[in-house]
């Protein structure tokens, strides 16, 4: 009888106390009409979504606060480095240790610009972050276009930028 409470404590300690889960839904039109779930962000991994409800599919990326790796398998083992965050810049990387390459995206407040070269030369606007909605950013000033994604839950900025770099 005294083993039962100890077994419950042991089992409960193996379950994560709070698994942070964020969803990215496709959004349509200027007002962001929500569509199906596109990506699931959970425990440092970005998964493709399966079905409209957002069940986890294959893992696409594994991330920390500073780096993003391609997933080596469907379960989220880190493979080759994909991106590195450096301030408001997302830089493409390659290899297992993250050899820096050219710049992918440049974040200026709520505007995201495409960037080129090793010094992150600002190119045209790519996206506009408007609260929980991600809109296309048109022209050199990233003016608000149609919505592309709707963020639900907690999605770290590096995970969002890695997904946007692939769009």
C-alpha atoms as a PDB file:
ATOM      1  CA  UNK A   1       0.000   0.000   0.000  1.00  0.00           C
ATOM      2  CA  UNK A   2       2.863   2.424   0.691  1.00  0.00           C
ATOM      3  CA  UNK A   3       4.339   1.783  -2.769  1.00  0.00           C
ATOM      4  CA  UNK A   4       1.328   3.229  -4.563  1.00  0.00           C
ATOM      5  CA  UNK A   5       1.926   6.925  -3.654  1.00  0.00           C
ATOM      6  CA  UNK A   6       5.625   6.551  -4.523  1.00  0.00           C
ATOM      7  CA  UNK A   7       4.720   5.050  -7.918  1.00  0.00           C
ATOM      8  CA  UNK A   8       2.319   7.904  -8.658  1.00  0.00           C
ATOM      9  CA  UNK A   9       4.990  10.480  -7.798  1.00  0.00           C
ATOM     10  CA  UNK A  10       7.498   8.693 -10.021  1.00  0.00           C
ATOM     11  CA  UNK A  11       5.090   8.560 -12.966  1.00  0.00           C
ATOM     12  CA  UNK A  12       4.003  12.193 -12.541  1.00  0.00           C
ATOM     13  CA  UNK A  13       7.621  13.388 -12.428  1.00  0.00           C
ATOM     14  CA  UNK A  14       8.229  11.819 -15.861  1.00  0.00           C
ATOM     15  CA  UNK A  15       5.389  13.817 -17.420  1.00  0.00           C
ATOM     16  CA  UNK A  16       6.446  17.352 -18.441  1.00  0.00           C
ATOM     17  CA  UNK A  17       4.780  19.939 -16.244  1.00  0.00           C
ATOM     18  CA  UNK A  18       4.031  22.334 -19.058  1.00  0.00           C
ATOM     19  CA  UNK A  19       4.599  21.506 -22.703  1.00  0.00           C
ATOM     20  CA  UNK A  20       4.591  24.770 -24.613  1.00  0.00           C
ATOM     21  CA  UNK A  21       2.652  24.315 -27.815  1.00  0.00           C
ATOM     22  CA  UNK A  22       2.096  26.844 -30.526  1.00  0.00           C
ATOM     23  CA  UNK A  23       0.178  26.509 -33.764  1.00  0.00           C
ATOM     24  CA  UNK A  24       0.560  28.370 -37.026  1.00  0.00           C
ATOM     25  CA  UNK A  25      -2.579  28.348 -39.149  1.00  0.00           C
ATOM     26  CA  UNK A  26      -2.799  29.395 -42.767  1.00  0.00           C
ATOM     27  CA  UNK A  27      -4.633  32.701 -43.048  1.00  0.00           C
ATOM     28  CA  UNK A  28      -6.389  34.138 -46.082  1.00  0.00           C
ATOM     29  CA  UNK A  29      -7.346  37.588 -47.324  1.00  0.00           C
ATOM     30  CA  UNK A  30      -6.772  41.021 -45.827  1.00  0.00           C
ATOM     31  CA  UNK A  31      -8.553  40.118 -42.575  1.00  0.00           C
ATOM     32  CA  UNK A  32      -6.809  36.780 -42.008  1.00  0.00           C
ATOM     33  CA  UNK A  33      -9.617  34.270 -42.288  1.00  0.00           C
ATOM     34  CA  UNK A  34      -8.168  31.237 -40.465  1.00  0.00           C
ATOM     35  CA  UNK A  35      -7.550  28.026 -42.368  1.00  0.00           C
ATOM     36  CA  UNK A  36      -5.979  24.670 -41.548  1.00  0.00           C
ATOM     37  CA  UNK A  37      -3.030  24.314 -39.198  1.00  0.00           C
ATOM     38  CA  UNK A  38       0.264  24.461 -41.109  1.00  0.00           C
ATOM     39  CA  UNK A  39       2.891  23.990 -38.362  1.00  0.00           C
ATOM     40  CA  UNK A  40       3.037  22.842 -34.745  1.00  0.00           C
ATOM     41  CA  UNK A  41       5.780  24.324 -32.530  1.00  0.00           C
ATOM     42  CA  UNK A  42       6.443  22.303 -29.400  1.00  0.00           C
ATOM     43  CA  UNK A  43       9.417  21.702 -27.076  1.00  0.00           C
ATOM     44  CA  UNK A  44      12.083  23.187 -29.346  1.00  0.00           C
ATOM     45  CA  UNK A  45      10.795  21.473 -32.485  1.00  0.00           C
ATOM     46  CA  UNK A  46       8.799  22.581 -35.517  1.00  0.00           C
ATOM     47  CA  UNK A  47       6.495  19.909 -36.937  1.00  0.00           C
ATOM     48  CA  UNK A  48       4.426  19.853 -40.095  1.00  0.00           C
ATOM     49  CA  UNK A  49       0.776  19.684 -39.155  1.00  0.00           C
ATOM     50  CA  UNK A  50      -1.409  16.745 -40.169  1.00  0.00           C
ATOM     51  CA  UNK A  51      -5.074  17.532 -40.634  1.00  0.00           C
ATOM     52  CA  UNK A  52      -7.106  20.603 -39.843  1.00  0.00           C
ATOM     53  CA  UNK A  53      -6.922  20.049 -36.065  1.00  0.00           C
ATOM     54  CA  UNK A  54      -3.123  20.333 -35.949  1.00  0.00           C
ATOM     55  CA  UNK A  55      -1.844  16.887 -35.080  1.00  0.00           C
ATOM     56  CA  UNK A  56       1.944  16.628 -35.218  1.00  0.00           C
ATOM     57  CA  UNK A  57       3.417  15.246 -38.405  1.00  0.00           C
ATOM     58  CA  UNK A  58       7.080  14.916 -39.301  1.00  0.00           C
ATOM     59  CA  UNK A  59       9.588  17.214 -37.606  1.00  0.00           C
ATOM     60  CA  UNK A  60      11.040  19.830 -39.942  1.00  0.00           C
ATOM     61  CA  UNK A  61      13.323  21.906 -37.690  1.00  0.00           C
ATOM     62  CA  UNK A  62      14.892  21.699 -34.229  1.00  0.00           C
ATOM     63  CA  UNK A  63      15.711  25.038 -32.556  1.00  0.00           C
ATOM     64  CA  UNK A  64      17.251  26.744 -29.525  1.00  0.00           C
ATOM     65  CA  UNK A  65      17.280  30.448 -28.698  1.00  0.00           C
ATOM     66  CA  UNK A  66      20.084  31.111 -31.195  1.00  0.00           C
ATOM     67  CA  UNK A  67      20.181  28.285 -33.778  1.00  0.00           C
ATOM     68  CA  UNK A  68      17.880  26.255 -36.006  1.00  0.00           C
ATOM     69  CA  UNK A  69      18.808  22.830 -37.383  1.00  0.00           C
ATOM     70  CA  UNK A  70      17.178  20.753 -40.095  1.00  0.00           C
ATOM     71  CA  UNK A  71      15.651  17.662 -38.552  1.00  0.00           C
ATOM     72  CA  UNK A  72      17.630  14.506 -39.325  1.00  0.00           C
ATOM     73  CA  UNK A  73      14.541  12.325 -38.928  1.00  0.00           C
ATOM     74  CA  UNK A  74      10.796  12.589 -38.427  1.00  0.00           C
ATOM     75  CA  UNK A  75      11.177  12.557 -34.632  1.00  0.00           C
ATOM     76  CA  UNK A  76      13.359  15.679 -34.274  1.00  0.00           C
ATOM     77  CA  UNK A  77      16.989  14.640 -34.054  1.00  0.00           C
ATOM     78  CA  UNK A  78      19.168  17.633 -34.992  1.00  0.00           C
ATOM     79  CA  UNK A  79      20.844  17.393 -38.382  1.00  0.00           C
ATOM     80  CA  UNK A  80      22.694  20.071 -40.341  1.00  0.00           C
ATOM     81  CA  UNK A  81      22.442  23.661 -39.162  1.00  0.00           C
ATOM     82  CA  UNK A  82      19.919  25.751 -41.121  1.00  0.00           C
ATOM     83  CA  UNK A  83      19.847  29.224 -39.526  1.00  0.00           C
ATOM     84  CA  UNK A  84      21.451  31.317 -36.807  1.00  0.00           C
ATOM     85  CA  UNK A  85      19.890  34.332 -35.100  1.00  0.00           C
ATOM     86  CA  UNK A  86      22.122  37.363 -34.680  1.00  0.00           C
ATOM     87  CA  UNK A  87      20.211  40.275 -33.209  1.00  0.00           C
ATOM     88  CA  UNK A  88      17.362  41.010 -35.597  1.00  0.00           C
ATOM     89  CA  UNK A  89      18.966  38.992 -38.405  1.00  0.00           C
ATOM     90  CA  UNK A  90      18.385  35.405 -39.469  1.00  0.00           C
ATOM     91  CA  UNK A  91      21.484  34.059 -41.194  1.00  0.00           C
ATOM     92  CA  UNK A  92      21.629  30.909 -43.316  1.00  0.00           C
ATOM     93  CA  UNK A  93      24.071  28.305 -42.051  1.00  0.00           C
ATOM     94  CA  UNK A  94      25.413  24.989 -43.236  1.00  0.00           C
ATOM     95  CA  UNK A  95      27.097  21.948 -41.777  1.00  0.00           C
ATOM     96  CA  UNK A  96      26.816  20.391 -38.328  1.00  0.00           C
ATOM     97  CA  UNK A  97      28.552  23.304 -36.572  1.00  0.00           C
ATOM     98  CA  UNK A  98      26.710  26.158 -38.283  1.00  0.00           C
ATOM     99  CA  UNK A  99      29.119  27.735 -40.738  1.00  0.00           C
ATOM    100  CA  UNK A 100      27.655  31.179 -41.411  1.00  0.00           C
ATOM    101  CA  UNK A 101      26.453  31.982 -44.900  1.00  0.00           C
ATOM    102  CA  UNK A 102      24.370  34.786 -46.353  1.00  0.00           C
ATOM    103  CA  UNK A 103      21.587  36.612 -44.579  1.00  0.00           C
ATOM    104  CA  UNK A 104      18.013  35.367 -45.057  1.00  0.00           C
ATOM    105  CA  UNK A 105      15.742  37.782 -43.159  1.00  0.00           C
ATOM    106  CA  UNK A 106      16.113  41.088 -41.352  1.00  0.00           C
ATOM    107  CA  UNK A 107      13.666  42.017 -38.565  1.00  0.00           C
ATOM    108  CA  UNK A 108      12.946  45.718 -37.935  1.00  0.00           C
ATOM    109  CA  UNK A 109      10.283  46.069 -35.238  1.00  0.00           C
ATOM    110  CA  UNK A 110       7.182  44.491 -36.779  1.00  0.00           C
ATOM    111  CA  UNK A 111       8.533  44.434 -40.354  1.00  0.00           C
ATOM    112  CA  UNK A 112      10.489  41.539 -41.849  1.00  0.00           C
ATOM    113  CA  UNK A 113      12.653  42.194 -44.902  1.00  0.00           C
ATOM    114  CA  UNK A 114      14.509  39.840 -47.206  1.00  0.00           C
ATOM    115  CA  UNK A 115      18.248  40.395 -46.846  1.00  0.00           C
ATOM    116  CA  UNK A 116      21.256  39.572 -48.996  1.00  0.00           C
ATOM    117  CA  UNK A 117      24.921  38.863 -48.483  1.00  0.00           C
ATOM    118  CA  UNK A 118      27.079  38.463 -45.387  1.00  0.00           C
ATOM    119  CA  UNK A 119      26.340  42.021 -44.191  1.00  0.00           C
ATOM    120  CA  UNK A 120      22.531  41.660 -44.382  1.00  0.00           C
ATOM    121  CA  UNK A 121      21.836  44.299 -47.004  1.00  0.00           C
ATOM    122  CA  UNK A 122      18.128  45.079 -46.774  1.00  0.00           C
ATOM    123  CA  UNK A 123      16.111  44.088 -49.839  1.00  0.00           C
ATOM    124  CA  UNK A 124      12.338  44.269 -50.403  1.00  0.00           C
ATOM    125  CA  UNK A 125       9.738  43.762 -47.697  1.00  0.00           C
ATOM    126  CA  UNK A 126       8.701  40.194 -47.014  1.00  0.00           C
ATOM    127  CA  UNK A 127       6.268  40.110 -44.066  1.00  0.00           C
ATOM    128  CA  UNK A 128       4.514  42.347 -41.567  1.00  0.00           C
ATOM    129  CA  UNK A 129       3.887  41.033 -38.035  1.00  0.00           C
ATOM    130  CA  UNK A 130       0.588  42.426 -36.783  1.00  0.00           C
ATOM    131  CA  UNK A 131      -0.115  41.009 -33.336  1.00  0.00           C
ATOM    132  CA  UNK A 132      -0.950  37.342 -33.864  1.00  0.00           C
ATOM    133  CA  UNK A 133      -1.275  37.730 -37.645  1.00  0.00           C
ATOM    134  CA  UNK A 134       1.496  37.549 -40.253  1.00  0.00           C
ATOM    135  CA  UNK A 135       0.801  39.539 -43.436  1.00  0.00           C
ATOM    136  CA  UNK A 136       2.751  39.745 -46.660  1.00  0.00           C
ATOM    137  CA  UNK A 137       4.954  42.832 -46.723  1.00  0.00           C
ATOM    138  CA  UNK A 138       4.828  44.530 -50.111  1.00  0.00           C
ATOM    139  CA  UNK A 139       7.478  46.814 -51.587  1.00  0.00           C
ATOM    140  CA  UNK A 140      10.490  48.511 -50.021  1.00  0.00           C
ATOM    141  CA  UNK A 141       8.533  49.615 -46.944  1.00  0.00           C
ATOM    142  CA  UNK A 142       6.793  46.274 -46.268  1.00  0.00           C
ATOM    143  CA  UNK A 143       3.287  47.689 -46.545  1.00  0.00           C
ATOM    144  CA  UNK A 144       0.542  45.410 -45.322  1.00  0.00           C
ATOM    145  CA  UNK A 145      -0.729  42.872 -47.831  1.00  0.00           C
ATOM    146  CA  UNK A 146      -2.893  39.785 -47.454  1.00  0.00           C
ATOM    147  CA  UNK A 147      -2.528  37.612 -44.360  1.00  0.00           C
ATOM    148  CA  UNK A 148      -0.505  34.408 -44.618  1.00  0.00           C
ATOM    149  CA  UNK A 149      -0.316  32.900 -41.120  1.00  0.00           C
ATOM    150  CA  UNK A 150      -2.160  33.187 -37.819  1.00  0.00           C
ATOM    151  CA  UNK A 151      -0.187  32.431 -34.638  1.00  0.00           C
ATOM    152  CA  UNK A 152      -1.916  30.624 -31.766  1.00  0.00           C
ATOM    153  CA  UNK A 153      -0.172  29.927 -28.481  1.00  0.00           C
ATOM    154  CA  UNK A 154       3.514  30.479 -27.766  1.00  0.00           C
ATOM    155  CA  UNK A 155       5.793  30.548 -30.811  1.00  0.00           C
ATOM    156  CA  UNK A 156       9.354  31.859 -30.240  1.00  0.00           C
ATOM    157  CA  UNK A 157      10.525  34.489 -32.714  1.00  0.00           C
ATOM    158  CA  UNK A 158      13.376  32.307 -34.026  1.00  0.00           C
ATOM    159  CA  UNK A 159      10.897  29.530 -34.861  1.00  0.00           C
ATOM    160  CA  UNK A 160       8.583  31.980 -36.625  1.00  0.00           C
ATOM    161  CA  UNK A 161      11.460  33.479 -38.628  1.00  0.00           C
ATOM    162  CA  UNK A 162      12.696  30.018 -39.647  1.00  0.00           C
ATOM    163  CA  UNK A 163       9.219  29.155 -40.968  1.00  0.00           C
ATOM    164  CA  UNK A 164       8.941  32.513 -42.750  1.00  0.00           C
ATOM    165  CA  UNK A 165      12.355  32.011 -44.376  1.00  0.00           C
ATOM    166  CA  UNK A 166      10.921  28.911 -46.046  1.00  0.00           C
ATOM    167  CA  UNK A 167       7.829  30.693 -47.418  1.00  0.00           C
END
